[in-house]
């Protein structure tokens, strides 16, 4: 079943919770990276994709403004010489980079973590040079071989910056490097 289109005037009109659920539904529908396509994205997320402009590696859409300055971008990267095809969902505050994520954190890090593990992804943290957590990597091996493996990066972010509170998701997307 194809979902109703979620784009009006080149802006996605879904809430943070709705886009998160549809993104997870897209990931769940993939047996391998080879299954990722504009058609699959339209069927599972309701987002029709345009062809990337000449010289651009990807195509993306911003959401309408959500609340408290928050919005998100959904990006699709077709396969190219340098990149594997992939998708990304990133939340950004256009007013204050250090704003509380409370208005967009209904689906928190724990929720995404549980859902990805339930889909068969194996999780492992990635740390930076001074021991700071940079992201969580979720890997699902494709039955068709290593070229189709799906690796997801989830960047957690404190609900309130500089306070150890509930973790939200700043971005979630496939790793696309060759």
N, C-alpha and C. Protein backbone atom coordinates (compact mmCIF):
# COMPACT_ATOMS: atom_id res chain seq x y z
N UNK A 1 0.83 -1.18 0.00
CA UNK A 1 0.00 0.00 0.00
C UNK A 1 0.88 1.24 0.00
N UNK A 2 0.63 2.15 -0.90
CA UNK A 2 1.35 3.40 -0.97
C UNK A 2 0.70 4.40 -0.02
N UNK A 3 1.52 5.07 0.79
CA UNK A 3 1.00 6.07 1.71
C UNK A 3 0.68 7.35 0.95
N UNK A 4 -0.22 8.18 1.49
CA UNK A 4 -0.47 9.47 0.85
C UNK A 4 0.81 10.30 0.87
N UNK A 5 0.99 11.11 -0.16
CA UNK A 5 2.21 11.90 -0.25
C UNK A 5 2.31 12.85 0.93
N UNK A 6 3.54 13.00 1.43
CA UNK A 6 3.79 13.78 2.63
C UNK A 6 4.47 15.11 2.32
N UNK A 7 4.44 15.52 1.05
CA UNK A 7 5.13 16.74 0.66
C UNK A 7 4.14 17.74 0.09
N UNK A 8 4.25 18.97 0.58
CA UNK A 8 3.47 20.08 0.05
C UNK A 8 4.43 21.22 -0.24
N UNK A 9 4.43 21.72 -1.47
CA UNK A 9 5.29 22.85 -1.86
C UNK A 9 6.75 22.60 -1.47
N UNK A 10 7.25 21.41 -1.76
CA UNK A 10 8.63 21.02 -1.48
C UNK A 10 9.00 21.01 0.00
N UNK A 11 8.03 20.94 0.89
CA UNK A 11 8.28 20.80 2.33
C UNK A 11 7.53 19.57 2.82
N UNK A 12 8.19 18.79 3.67
CA UNK A 12 7.53 17.62 4.26
C UNK A 12 6.64 18.11 5.39
N UNK A 13 5.42 17.61 5.43
CA UNK A 13 4.43 18.09 6.40
C UNK A 13 4.21 17.14 7.57
N UNK A 14 5.03 16.11 7.70
CA UNK A 14 4.87 15.14 8.79
C UNK A 14 5.50 15.65 10.08
N UNK A 15 4.95 15.23 11.21
CA UNK A 15 5.55 15.55 12.50
C UNK A 15 6.85 14.77 12.67
N UNK A 16 7.62 15.13 13.69
CA UNK A 16 8.87 14.42 13.97
C UNK A 16 8.59 12.94 14.27
N UNK A 17 7.51 12.67 14.97
CA UNK A 17 7.14 11.30 15.30
C UNK A 17 6.74 10.53 14.05
N UNK A 18 5.93 11.15 13.18
CA UNK A 18 5.48 10.47 11.96
C UNK A 18 6.64 10.18 11.02
N UNK A 19 7.55 11.12 10.84
CA UNK A 19 8.68 10.88 9.93
C UNK A 19 9.60 9.82 10.51
N UNK A 20 9.78 9.81 11.84
CA UNK A 20 10.59 8.78 12.48
C UNK A 20 10.02 7.39 12.27
N UNK A 21 8.70 7.26 12.45
CA UNK A 21 8.05 5.97 12.24
C UNK A 21 8.16 5.52 10.79
N UNK A 22 7.95 6.44 9.85
CA UNK A 22 8.04 6.07 8.44
C UNK A 22 9.48 5.73 8.05
N UNK A 23 10.45 6.43 8.63
CA UNK A 23 11.85 6.11 8.35
C UNK A 23 12.17 4.70 8.83
N UNK A 24 11.74 4.38 10.04
CA UNK A 24 11.97 3.03 10.57
C UNK A 24 11.24 1.98 9.73
N UNK A 25 10.05 2.30 9.26
CA UNK A 25 9.31 1.37 8.40
C UNK A 25 10.08 1.13 7.10
N UNK A 26 10.69 2.17 6.55
CA UNK A 26 11.51 2.02 5.35
C UNK A 26 12.68 1.09 5.63
N UNK A 27 13.40 1.32 6.71
CA UNK A 27 14.56 0.49 7.05
C UNK A 27 14.12 -0.96 7.26
N UNK A 28 13.00 -1.15 7.94
CA UNK A 28 12.48 -2.50 8.20
C UNK A 28 12.13 -3.22 6.91
N UNK A 29 11.73 -2.48 5.88
CA UNK A 29 11.32 -3.10 4.62
C UNK A 29 12.49 -3.57 3.76
N UNK A 30 13.72 -3.24 4.16
CA UNK A 30 14.90 -3.57 3.36
C UNK A 30 15.54 -4.88 3.82
N UNK A 31 15.71 -5.82 2.89
CA UNK A 31 16.49 -7.01 3.19
C UNK A 31 17.96 -6.75 2.92
N UNK A 32 18.24 -5.80 2.04
CA UNK A 32 19.61 -5.39 1.75
C UNK A 32 19.57 -3.96 1.22
N UNK A 33 20.72 -3.35 1.14
CA UNK A 33 20.82 -1.99 0.59
C UNK A 33 20.28 -1.95 -0.84
N UNK A 34 20.40 -3.07 -1.56
CA UNK A 34 19.92 -3.13 -2.94
C UNK A 34 18.42 -2.85 -3.06
N UNK A 35 17.67 -3.07 -1.98
CA UNK A 35 16.22 -2.85 -2.00
C UNK A 35 15.85 -1.37 -1.91
N UNK A 36 16.80 -0.52 -1.54
CA UNK A 36 16.52 0.90 -1.37
C UNK A 36 16.38 1.58 -2.74
N UNK A 37 15.25 2.23 -2.95
CA UNK A 37 15.00 2.89 -4.24
C UNK A 37 14.01 4.03 -4.02
N UNK A 38 13.94 4.97 -4.98
CA UNK A 38 12.92 6.02 -4.88
C UNK A 38 11.50 5.46 -4.79
N UNK A 39 11.25 4.36 -5.51
CA UNK A 39 9.92 3.75 -5.46
C UNK A 39 9.61 3.22 -4.06
N UNK A 40 10.59 2.55 -3.44
CA UNK A 40 10.39 2.02 -2.09
C UNK A 40 10.15 3.16 -1.11
N UNK A 41 10.89 4.25 -1.26
CA UNK A 41 10.72 5.40 -0.38
C UNK A 41 9.31 5.98 -0.52
N UNK A 42 8.84 6.08 -1.75
CA UNK A 42 7.49 6.62 -1.96
C UNK A 42 6.44 5.68 -1.36
N UNK A 43 6.61 4.37 -1.56
CA UNK A 43 5.65 3.40 -1.04
C UNK A 43 5.59 3.39 0.48
N UNK A 44 6.73 3.43 1.14
CA UNK A 44 6.76 3.28 2.60
C UNK A 44 6.71 4.59 3.36
N UNK A 45 7.16 5.68 2.73
CA UNK A 45 7.22 6.95 3.44
C UNK A 45 6.28 8.02 2.88
N UNK A 46 5.78 7.81 1.66
CA UNK A 46 4.92 8.82 1.05
C UNK A 46 5.68 10.03 0.55
N UNK A 47 6.98 9.86 0.29
CA UNK A 47 7.81 10.96 -0.19
C UNK A 47 8.25 10.68 -1.62
N UNK A 48 7.69 11.41 -2.59
CA UNK A 48 8.14 11.24 -3.98
C UNK A 48 9.45 12.00 -4.17
N UNK A 49 10.43 11.34 -4.74
CA UNK A 49 11.75 11.97 -4.89
C UNK A 49 11.96 12.49 -6.30
N UNK A 50 12.58 13.64 -6.37
CA UNK A 50 13.01 14.18 -7.66
C UNK A 50 14.39 13.61 -7.96
N UNK A 51 14.78 13.68 -9.21
CA UNK A 51 16.13 13.28 -9.60
C UNK A 51 17.08 14.37 -9.12
N UNK A 52 18.24 14.00 -8.54
CA UNK A 52 19.18 15.04 -8.12
C UNK A 52 19.57 15.94 -9.29
N UNK A 53 19.74 17.22 -9.01
CA UNK A 53 20.16 18.17 -10.03
C UNK A 53 21.56 17.82 -10.52
N UNK A 54 21.87 18.27 -11.72
CA UNK A 54 23.18 18.03 -12.31
C UNK A 54 24.28 18.47 -11.33
N UNK A 55 25.23 17.60 -11.09
CA UNK A 55 26.34 17.90 -10.20
C UNK A 55 26.07 17.67 -8.73
N UNK A 56 24.84 17.31 -8.36
CA UNK A 56 24.49 17.04 -6.96
C UNK A 56 24.50 15.54 -6.72
N UNK A 57 24.95 15.14 -5.53
CA UNK A 57 25.02 13.72 -5.20
C UNK A 57 23.75 13.18 -4.57
N UNK A 58 22.89 14.07 -4.08
CA UNK A 58 21.69 13.60 -3.38
C UNK A 58 20.54 14.57 -3.60
N UNK A 59 19.37 14.12 -3.16
CA UNK A 59 18.18 14.97 -3.19
C UNK A 59 17.58 14.95 -1.79
N UNK A 60 17.15 16.12 -1.32
CA UNK A 60 16.62 16.19 0.03
C UNK A 60 15.48 17.16 0.15
N UNK A 61 14.74 16.98 1.21
CA UNK A 61 13.60 17.85 1.51
C UNK A 61 13.65 18.26 2.97
N UNK A 62 13.34 19.51 3.24
CA UNK A 62 13.19 19.99 4.61
C UNK A 62 11.73 19.84 5.02
N UNK A 63 11.52 19.73 6.30
CA UNK A 63 10.15 19.72 6.83
C UNK A 63 9.67 21.16 6.98
N UNK A 64 8.38 21.28 7.19
CA UNK A 64 7.85 22.56 7.65
C UNK A 64 8.41 22.77 9.05
N UNK A 65 8.37 24.00 9.53
CA UNK A 65 8.83 24.24 10.90
C UNK A 65 7.93 23.46 11.86
N UNK A 66 8.56 22.80 12.81
CA UNK A 66 7.81 21.99 13.76
C UNK A 66 7.46 22.86 14.95
N UNK A 67 8.25 22.81 15.99
CA UNK A 67 8.02 23.65 17.17
C UNK A 67 9.36 24.09 17.72
N UNK A 68 9.38 25.24 18.34
CA UNK A 68 10.57 25.74 19.03
C UNK A 68 11.80 25.83 18.12
N UNK A 69 11.60 26.10 16.84
CA UNK A 69 12.72 26.24 15.91
C UNK A 69 13.20 24.95 15.28
N UNK A 70 12.59 23.82 15.63
CA UNK A 70 13.04 22.53 15.11
C UNK A 70 12.42 22.23 13.75
N UNK A 71 13.20 21.56 12.93
CA UNK A 71 12.77 21.02 11.64
C UNK A 71 13.69 19.84 11.33
N UNK A 72 13.41 19.13 10.27
CA UNK A 72 14.26 18.01 9.89
C UNK A 72 14.46 18.01 8.39
N UNK A 73 15.49 17.29 7.97
CA UNK A 73 15.75 17.09 6.54
C UNK A 73 15.78 15.59 6.27
N UNK A 74 15.12 15.18 5.20
CA UNK A 74 15.20 13.81 4.72
C UNK A 74 15.98 13.84 3.42
N UNK A 75 17.00 12.99 3.31
CA UNK A 75 17.87 12.99 2.13
C UNK A 75 18.00 11.58 1.57
N UNK A 76 17.95 11.48 0.25
CA UNK A 76 18.22 10.22 -0.45
C UNK A 76 19.44 10.44 -1.33
N UNK A 77 20.38 9.50 -1.24
CA UNK A 77 21.59 9.53 -2.06
C UNK A 77 21.57 8.33 -2.99
N UNK A 78 21.43 8.56 -4.32
CA UNK A 78 21.51 7.43 -5.25
C UNK A 78 22.95 6.91 -5.31
N UNK A 79 23.09 5.70 -5.80
CA UNK A 79 24.43 5.13 -5.93
C UNK A 79 25.23 5.92 -6.97
N UNK A 80 26.51 6.10 -6.68
CA UNK A 80 27.41 6.79 -7.60
C UNK A 80 28.77 6.10 -7.55
N UNK A 81 29.71 6.64 -8.27
CA UNK A 81 31.07 6.06 -8.27
C UNK A 81 31.66 6.08 -6.87
N UNK A 82 31.38 7.14 -6.12
CA UNK A 82 32.00 7.28 -4.80
C UNK A 82 31.12 6.87 -3.62
N UNK A 83 29.81 6.76 -3.84
CA UNK A 83 28.90 6.49 -2.72
C UNK A 83 27.95 5.34 -3.01
N UNK A 84 27.62 4.60 -1.96
CA UNK A 84 26.53 3.63 -2.02
C UNK A 84 25.23 4.40 -1.82
N UNK A 85 24.13 3.84 -2.29
CA UNK A 85 22.86 4.54 -2.09
C UNK A 85 22.48 4.49 -0.62
N UNK A 86 21.77 5.53 -0.19
CA UNK A 86 21.41 5.60 1.21
C UNK A 86 20.39 6.68 1.51
N UNK A 87 19.97 6.72 2.77
CA UNK A 87 18.99 7.69 3.25
C UNK A 87 19.45 8.26 4.59
N UNK A 88 18.94 9.45 4.90
CA UNK A 88 19.32 10.11 6.14
C UNK A 88 18.17 10.98 6.63
N UNK A 89 18.00 11.02 7.93
CA UNK A 89 17.02 11.89 8.58
C UNK A 89 17.76 12.65 9.67
N UNK A 90 17.80 13.98 9.55
CA UNK A 90 18.55 14.81 10.49
C UNK A 90 17.65 15.91 11.04
N UNK A 91 17.70 16.09 12.36
CA UNK A 91 16.94 17.14 13.03
C UNK A 91 17.86 18.33 13.30
N UNK A 92 17.34 19.53 13.06
CA UNK A 92 18.14 20.74 13.24
C UNK A 92 17.27 21.84 13.81
N UNK A 93 17.87 22.63 14.70
CA UNK A 93 17.17 23.79 15.23
C UNK A 93 17.70 25.03 14.53
N UNK A 94 16.83 25.75 13.84
CA UNK A 94 17.26 26.91 13.06
C UNK A 94 17.42 28.17 13.91
N UNK A 95 17.00 28.11 15.17
CA UNK A 95 17.08 29.27 16.05
C UNK A 95 18.23 29.14 17.04
N UNK A 96 18.34 27.97 17.68
CA UNK A 96 19.30 27.78 18.76
C UNK A 96 19.84 26.35 18.73
N UNK A 97 21.10 26.19 18.36
CA UNK A 97 21.72 24.85 18.29
C UNK A 97 21.66 24.11 19.62
N UNK A 98 21.57 24.83 20.73
CA UNK A 98 21.56 24.21 22.05
C UNK A 98 20.15 24.13 22.65
N UNK A 99 19.14 24.24 21.83
CA UNK A 99 17.75 24.20 22.32
C UNK A 99 17.38 22.80 22.81
N UNK A 100 16.47 22.76 23.76
CA UNK A 100 15.93 21.49 24.24
C UNK A 100 15.22 20.79 23.09
N UNK A 101 15.37 19.47 23.03
CA UNK A 101 14.73 18.68 21.98
C UNK A 101 13.36 18.15 22.42
N UNK A 102 12.83 18.65 23.52
CA UNK A 102 11.59 18.09 24.08
C UNK A 102 10.43 18.10 23.10
N UNK A 103 10.34 19.08 22.22
CA UNK A 103 9.20 19.14 21.30
C UNK A 103 9.28 18.13 20.16
N UNK A 104 10.45 17.51 19.97
CA UNK A 104 10.60 16.54 18.87
C UNK A 104 11.11 15.18 19.34
N UNK A 105 11.07 14.92 20.64
CA UNK A 105 11.70 13.71 21.18
C UNK A 105 10.69 12.67 21.66
N UNK A 106 9.51 12.61 21.04
CA UNK A 106 8.56 11.57 21.43
C UNK A 106 9.13 10.19 21.14
N UNK A 107 9.82 10.07 20.01
CA UNK A 107 10.55 8.84 19.71
C UNK A 107 11.99 9.09 20.13
N UNK A 108 12.37 8.61 21.29
CA UNK A 108 13.71 8.90 21.80
C UNK A 108 14.72 7.85 21.34
N UNK A 109 15.96 8.01 21.77
CA UNK A 109 17.02 7.09 21.36
C UNK A 109 16.69 5.65 21.73
N UNK A 110 16.16 5.44 22.93
CA UNK A 110 15.82 4.08 23.37
C UNK A 110 14.80 3.44 22.43
N UNK A 111 13.86 4.23 21.94
CA UNK A 111 12.85 3.71 21.02
C UNK A 111 13.49 3.26 19.71
N UNK A 112 14.31 4.13 19.11
CA UNK A 112 15.00 3.77 17.87
C UNK A 112 15.89 2.54 18.08
N UNK A 113 16.60 2.51 19.20
CA UNK A 113 17.50 1.40 19.52
C UNK A 113 16.72 0.08 19.60
N UNK A 114 15.61 0.07 20.31
CA UNK A 114 14.78 -1.14 20.43
C UNK A 114 14.26 -1.59 19.07
N UNK A 115 13.76 -0.64 18.30
CA UNK A 115 13.19 -0.98 16.98
C UNK A 115 14.25 -1.56 16.05
N UNK A 116 15.42 -0.94 15.99
CA UNK A 116 16.47 -1.44 15.10
C UNK A 116 16.93 -2.84 15.53
N UNK A 117 17.10 -3.05 16.82
CA UNK A 117 17.50 -4.38 17.31
C UNK A 117 16.42 -5.42 17.00
N UNK A 118 15.14 -5.04 17.12
CA UNK A 118 14.05 -5.96 16.79
C UNK A 118 14.04 -6.32 15.31
N UNK A 119 14.61 -5.47 14.47
CA UNK A 119 14.71 -5.73 13.03
C UNK A 119 15.91 -6.62 12.69
N UNK A 120 16.70 -6.96 13.70
CA UNK A 120 17.85 -7.82 13.46
C UNK A 120 19.18 -7.10 13.33
N UNK A 121 19.21 -5.81 13.64
CA UNK A 121 20.47 -5.06 13.58
C UNK A 121 21.28 -5.33 14.84
N UNK A 122 22.60 -5.42 14.68
CA UNK A 122 23.53 -5.54 15.80
C UNK A 122 24.09 -4.16 16.09
N UNK A 123 24.11 -3.76 17.37
CA UNK A 123 24.51 -2.41 17.75
C UNK A 123 25.90 -2.37 18.37
N UNK A 124 26.64 -1.31 18.05
CA UNK A 124 27.93 -1.08 18.70
C UNK A 124 28.21 0.42 18.72
N UNK A 125 28.73 0.93 19.85
CA UNK A 125 29.03 2.35 19.93
C UNK A 125 30.34 2.68 19.21
N UNK A 126 30.45 3.92 18.76
CA UNK A 126 31.68 4.42 18.14
C UNK A 126 32.14 5.62 18.97
N UNK A 127 33.42 5.58 19.37
CA UNK A 127 33.96 6.64 20.22
C UNK A 127 34.99 7.46 19.46
N UNK A 128 35.08 8.74 19.85
CA UNK A 128 36.04 9.66 19.25
C UNK A 128 37.40 9.57 19.91
N UNK A 129 38.34 10.43 19.50
CA UNK A 129 39.73 10.35 19.96
C UNK A 129 39.92 10.62 21.45
N UNK A 130 38.98 11.31 22.09
CA UNK A 130 39.14 11.54 23.53
C UNK A 130 38.12 10.74 24.35
N UNK A 131 37.56 9.72 23.72
CA UNK A 131 36.66 8.82 24.42
C UNK A 131 35.20 9.21 24.41
N UNK A 132 34.84 10.26 23.70
CA UNK A 132 33.45 10.70 23.66
C UNK A 132 32.64 9.83 22.70
N UNK A 133 31.40 9.57 23.06
CA UNK A 133 30.51 8.81 22.19
C UNK A 133 30.19 9.65 20.97
N UNK A 134 30.43 9.12 19.79
CA UNK A 134 30.13 9.86 18.56
C UNK A 134 28.82 9.39 17.95
N UNK A 135 28.62 8.08 17.89
CA UNK A 135 27.36 7.55 17.37
C UNK A 135 27.25 6.08 17.74
N UNK A 136 26.10 5.53 17.43
CA UNK A 136 25.88 4.09 17.53
C UNK A 136 25.76 3.57 16.11
N UNK A 137 26.42 2.45 15.83
CA UNK A 137 26.35 1.83 14.51
C UNK A 137 25.52 0.57 14.62
N UNK A 138 24.57 0.43 13.73
CA UNK A 138 23.68 -0.73 13.68
C UNK A 138 23.92 -1.42 12.35
N UNK A 139 24.27 -2.70 12.40
CA UNK A 139 24.61 -3.44 11.19
C UNK A 139 23.68 -4.63 11.00
N UNK A 140 23.21 -4.77 9.77
CA UNK A 140 22.39 -5.92 9.39
C UNK A 140 23.01 -6.52 8.14
N UNK A 141 23.41 -7.78 8.24
CA UNK A 141 24.05 -8.45 7.11
C UNK A 141 23.01 -8.88 6.09
N UNK A 142 23.30 -8.59 4.85
CA UNK A 142 22.38 -8.95 3.76
C UNK A 142 22.57 -10.40 3.38
N UNK A 143 21.49 -11.06 3.05
CA UNK A 143 21.56 -12.45 2.60
C UNK A 143 22.24 -12.54 1.24
N UNK A 144 22.20 -11.44 0.48
CA UNK A 144 22.75 -11.43 -0.88
C UNK A 144 24.26 -11.18 -0.92
N UNK A 145 24.88 -10.94 0.22
CA UNK A 145 26.32 -10.71 0.24
C UNK A 145 26.68 -9.36 0.84
N UNK A 146 27.96 -9.17 1.12
CA UNK A 146 28.45 -7.99 1.84
C UNK A 146 28.10 -6.67 1.16
N UNK A 147 28.00 -6.65 -0.16
CA UNK A 147 27.70 -5.40 -0.86
C UNK A 147 26.33 -4.85 -0.48
N UNK A 148 25.44 -5.72 -0.03
CA UNK A 148 24.10 -5.28 0.33
C UNK A 148 23.90 -5.01 1.82
N UNK A 149 24.96 -5.21 2.63
CA UNK A 149 24.84 -4.97 4.06
C UNK A 149 24.33 -3.56 4.34
N UNK A 150 23.56 -3.43 5.40
CA UNK A 150 23.03 -2.13 5.79
C UNK A 150 23.69 -1.73 7.10
N UNK A 151 24.33 -0.58 7.10
CA UNK A 151 24.92 -0.02 8.32
C UNK A 151 24.25 1.32 8.57
N UNK A 152 23.65 1.45 9.75
CA UNK A 152 22.93 2.66 10.14
C UNK A 152 23.74 3.36 11.24
N UNK A 153 23.86 4.66 11.12
CA UNK A 153 24.47 5.48 12.17
C UNK A 153 23.37 6.26 12.86
N UNK A 154 23.34 6.18 14.19
CA UNK A 154 22.39 6.96 14.98
C UNK A 154 23.20 7.86 15.90
N UNK A 155 22.98 9.16 15.78
CA UNK A 155 23.68 10.13 16.62
C UNK A 155 22.72 10.57 17.72
N UNK A 156 22.99 10.12 18.97
CA UNK A 156 22.13 10.53 20.08
C UNK A 156 22.48 11.95 20.53
N UNK A 157 21.53 12.58 21.20
CA UNK A 157 21.73 13.94 21.69
C UNK A 157 20.90 14.08 22.96
N UNK A 158 21.48 14.69 23.99
CA UNK A 158 20.73 14.88 25.23
C UNK A 158 19.48 15.71 24.98
N UNK A 159 18.41 15.35 25.65
CA UNK A 159 17.16 16.11 25.56
C UNK A 159 17.44 17.59 25.83
N UNK A 160 18.18 17.84 26.89
CA UNK A 160 18.62 19.20 27.23
C UNK A 160 20.15 19.18 27.17
N UNK A 161 20.76 19.97 26.28
CA UNK A 161 22.22 19.96 26.14
C UNK A 161 22.94 20.19 27.47
N UNK A 162 24.05 19.51 27.62
CA UNK A 162 24.93 19.58 28.79
C UNK A 162 24.29 19.04 30.07
N UNK A 163 23.17 18.36 29.95
CA UNK A 163 22.55 17.71 31.10
C UNK A 163 22.34 16.25 30.76
N UNK A 164 22.69 15.37 31.70
CA UNK A 164 22.50 13.95 31.47
C UNK A 164 21.03 13.62 31.69
N UNK A 165 20.29 13.70 30.63
CA UNK A 165 18.86 13.43 30.66
C UNK A 165 18.57 12.34 29.65
N UNK A 166 17.33 12.19 29.33
CA UNK A 166 16.92 11.24 28.31
C UNK A 166 17.61 11.59 27.00
N UNK A 167 18.00 10.55 26.24
CA UNK A 167 18.65 10.77 24.95
C UNK A 167 17.61 10.82 23.83
N UNK A 168 17.78 11.79 22.95
CA UNK A 168 16.96 11.91 21.75
C UNK A 168 17.83 11.51 20.56
N UNK A 169 17.29 11.62 19.36
CA UNK A 169 18.05 11.29 18.15
C UNK A 169 18.25 12.56 17.34
N UNK A 170 19.52 12.92 17.14
CA UNK A 170 19.87 14.08 16.31
C UNK A 170 19.84 13.71 14.83
N UNK A 171 20.32 12.50 14.52
CA UNK A 171 20.22 12.02 13.14
C UNK A 171 20.29 10.50 13.10
N UNK A 172 19.70 9.96 12.03
CA UNK A 172 19.75 8.53 11.76
C UNK A 172 19.87 8.37 10.25
N UNK A 173 20.80 7.55 9.83
CA UNK A 173 20.97 7.36 8.40
C UNK A 173 21.94 6.25 8.08
N UNK A 174 21.91 5.85 6.83
CA UNK A 174 22.82 4.81 6.37
C UNK A 174 24.21 5.40 6.18
N UNK A 175 25.23 4.58 6.39
CA UNK A 175 26.59 4.97 6.05
C UNK A 175 26.80 4.57 4.60
N UNK A 176 27.22 5.52 3.77
CA UNK A 176 27.20 5.32 2.32
C UNK A 176 28.57 5.24 1.66
N UNK A 177 29.65 5.33 2.42
CA UNK A 177 30.98 5.31 1.81
C UNK A 177 31.33 3.96 1.23
N UNK A 178 32.14 3.99 0.23
CA UNK A 178 32.59 2.74 -0.38
C UNK A 178 33.87 2.27 0.27
